[in-house]
Amino acid sequence: MHEYTSANAIASLRQAGVPVTHQRIEIARVLFSAPVHLSADQVWANVRELSPDVSRATVYNTLRLFSEKKMIRELFVDPQRVVYDSTVTPHFHLYNMDTGEVRDVADDELRLVGEPVLPEGVVLEEIDVIVRVRNRTA
């Protein structure tokens, strides 16, 4: 995998129609350097390592903007936890409720067969599948 540079981040922001700022570049670099599933606070902590002047509010606002622009996906893994997924193509997730780890489920591990019958007047936007697991106890 090649390094995700500031130039890559600027190109991604412009392609999505997001105004370019220093803070957004750093947030994009954290999110798009590799496939990730991070909470807002984890994004903020990683961004602060590179750019200590970025505020928590800026990170939260930027995550909301990136989500609205379909650059990232919000995953509501449980009622108290939202993670941001840098992979926006359709895929499923495994969430360990004990450790908090979220990972992608490989395409060959789980298949969705069919779609639900929808009420008249609506269209399918997306299907989210989160497989929730706990560690075995002895």
Protein backbone atom coordinates (compact mmCIF):
# COMPACT_ATOMS: atom_id res chain seq x y z
CA MET A 1 0.00 0.00 0.00
CA HIS A 2 1.32 3.43 -0.87
CA GLU A 3 1.48 6.36 1.52
CA TYR A 4 -1.63 8.53 1.63
CA THR A 5 -0.20 12.02 1.24
CA SER A 6 -1.55 15.51 1.73
CA ALA A 7 -1.91 15.70 -2.07
CA ASN A 8 -4.07 12.55 -2.00
CA ALA A 9 -6.20 14.09 0.76
CA ILE A 10 -6.62 17.35 -1.15
CA ALA A 11 -7.69 15.45 -4.26
CA SER A 12 -10.22 13.40 -2.26
CA LEU A 13 -11.67 16.51 -0.62
CA ARG A 14 -11.99 18.34 -3.92
CA GLN A 15 -13.55 15.31 -5.63
CA ALA A 16 -16.19 15.16 -2.87
CA GLY A 17 -16.83 18.91 -3.08
CA VAL A 18 -15.44 19.58 0.40
CA PRO A 19 -13.58 22.87 0.90
CA VAL A 20 -9.92 22.19 1.66
CA THR A 21 -8.53 23.21 5.05
CA HIS A 22 -5.43 22.10 6.93
CA GLN A 23 -7.60 20.37 9.55
CA ARG A 24 -9.63 18.45 6.95
CA ILE A 25 -6.44 17.31 5.22
CA GLU A 26 -5.10 15.87 8.49
CA ILE A 27 -8.44 14.19 9.30
CA ALA A 28 -8.57 12.69 5.81
CA ARG A 29 -5.02 11.35 6.20
CA VAL A 30 -5.99 9.59 9.44
CA LEU A 31 -9.11 8.09 7.88
CA PHE A 32 -7.84 7.12 4.44
CA SER A 33 -4.24 5.98 4.98
CA ALA A 34 -5.64 2.48 5.58
CA PRO A 35 -9.09 0.95 6.04
CA VAL A 36 -10.17 1.93 9.56
CA HIS A 37 -13.09 1.78 11.98
CA LEU A 38 -12.46 4.59 14.45
CA SER A 39 -14.55 6.49 16.98
CA ALA A 40 -14.56 10.29 16.78
CA ASP A 41 -12.27 10.47 19.82
CA GLN A 42 -9.84 8.00 18.22
CA VAL A 43 -9.76 10.14 15.07
CA TRP A 44 -9.16 13.22 17.20
CA ALA A 45 -6.31 11.54 19.13
CA ASN A 46 -4.62 10.42 15.89
CA VAL A 47 -5.03 13.86 14.28
CA ARG A 48 -3.60 15.59 17.37
CA GLU A 49 -0.39 13.56 17.00
CA LEU A 50 0.12 15.24 13.62
CA SER A 51 -1.55 18.55 14.30
CA PRO A 52 -2.08 19.40 17.99
CA ASP A 53 -4.08 22.55 17.20
CA VAL A 54 -7.10 20.65 15.81
CA SER A 55 -10.05 20.83 18.20
CA ARG A 56 -12.46 18.03 19.10
CA ALA A 57 -15.34 20.12 17.69
CA THR A 58 -13.54 20.42 14.35
CA VAL A 59 -13.10 16.65 14.18
CA TYR A 60 -16.77 15.98 15.03
CA ASN A 61 -17.97 18.57 12.50
CA THR A 62 -15.65 17.22 9.81
CA LEU A 63 -16.75 13.63 10.42
CA ARG A 64 -20.36 14.74 10.00
CA LEU A 65 -19.45 16.55 6.76
CA PHE A 66 -17.47 13.57 5.41
CA SER A 67 -20.41 11.31 6.22
CA GLU A 68 -22.88 13.63 4.46
CA LYS A 69 -20.60 13.66 1.41
CA LYS A 70 -20.43 9.82 1.49
CA MET A 71 -16.66 9.83 2.04
CA ILE A 72 -17.09 7.68 5.18
CA ARG A 73 -19.85 5.61 6.76
CA GLU A 74 -21.20 5.94 10.27
CA LEU A 75 -21.64 2.58 11.96
CA PHE A 76 -23.88 2.49 15.01
CA VAL A 77 -22.36 -0.61 16.60
CA ASP A 78 -24.27 -0.20 19.85
CA PRO A 79 -26.41 2.54 21.44
CA GLN A 80 -23.38 4.23 23.03
CA ARG A 81 -20.83 3.72 20.26
CA VAL A 82 -20.46 5.07 16.75
CA VAL A 83 -17.42 4.29 14.61
CA TYR A 84 -16.47 5.81 11.29
CA ASP A 85 -15.65 3.41 8.48
CA SER A 86 -13.31 4.60 5.74
CA THR A 87 -14.59 1.94 3.32
CA VAL A 88 -17.83 3.11 1.75
CA THR A 89 -18.42 0.24 -0.68
CA PRO A 90 -21.04 -2.27 0.54
CA HIS A 91 -19.65 -4.75 3.07
CA PHE A 92 -20.49 -6.30 6.44
CA HIS A 93 -18.92 -5.97 9.90
CA LEU A 94 -18.02 -8.05 12.94
CA TYR A 95 -18.19 -6.18 16.26
CA ASN A 96 -16.68 -7.68 19.41
CA MET A 97 -18.82 -6.27 22.21
CA ASP A 98 -16.18 -7.13 24.83
CA THR A 99 -13.15 -5.56 23.15
CA GLY A 100 -14.82 -2.90 21.02
CA GLU A 101 -12.99 -4.13 17.92
CA VAL A 102 -14.80 -3.66 14.60
CA ARG A 103 -13.54 -5.45 11.52
CA ASP A 104 -14.75 -6.04 8.00
CA VAL A 105 -16.25 -9.41 7.18
CA ALA A 106 -14.67 -10.84 4.03
CA ASP A 107 -16.96 -11.16 1.02
CA ASP A 108 -16.68 -14.95 1.08
CA GLU A 109 -17.61 -15.20 4.80
CA LEU A 110 -21.17 -13.88 4.59
CA ARG A 111 -23.64 -13.47 1.76
CA LEU A 112 -26.91 -11.61 1.68
CA VAL A 113 -29.52 -13.49 -0.33
CA GLY A 114 -32.41 -11.40 -1.58
CA GLU A 115 -33.84 -8.10 -0.44
CA PRO A 116 -36.86 -7.36 1.73
CA VAL A 117 -40.19 -6.53 0.15
CA LEU A 118 -40.44 -2.79 0.59
CA PRO A 119 -43.57 -0.76 1.21
CA GLU A 120 -44.90 1.16 -1.75
CA GLY A 121 -43.27 4.54 -2.26
CA VAL A 122 -39.85 3.76 -0.78
CA VAL A 123 -36.53 2.66 -2.27
CA LEU A 124 -33.69 0.72 -0.69
CA GLU A 125 -30.81 3.00 0.27
CA GLU A 126 -28.46 0.51 1.94
CA ILE A 127 -28.33 -2.59 4.07
CA ASP A 128 -26.14 -2.61 7.17
CA VAL A 129 -25.16 -5.93 8.71
CA ILE A 130 -23.21 -5.91 11.97
CA VAL A 131 -22.52 -9.30 13.50
CA ARG A 132 -22.14 -8.78 17.25
CA VAL A 133 -20.04 -11.27 19.22
CA ARG A 134 -18.69 -11.69 22.75
CA ASN A 135 -15.57 -13.48 23.96
CA ARG A 136 -16.13 -17.00 25.26
CA THR A 137 -15.93 -17.38 29.00
CA ALA A 138 -14.23 -20.42 30.44
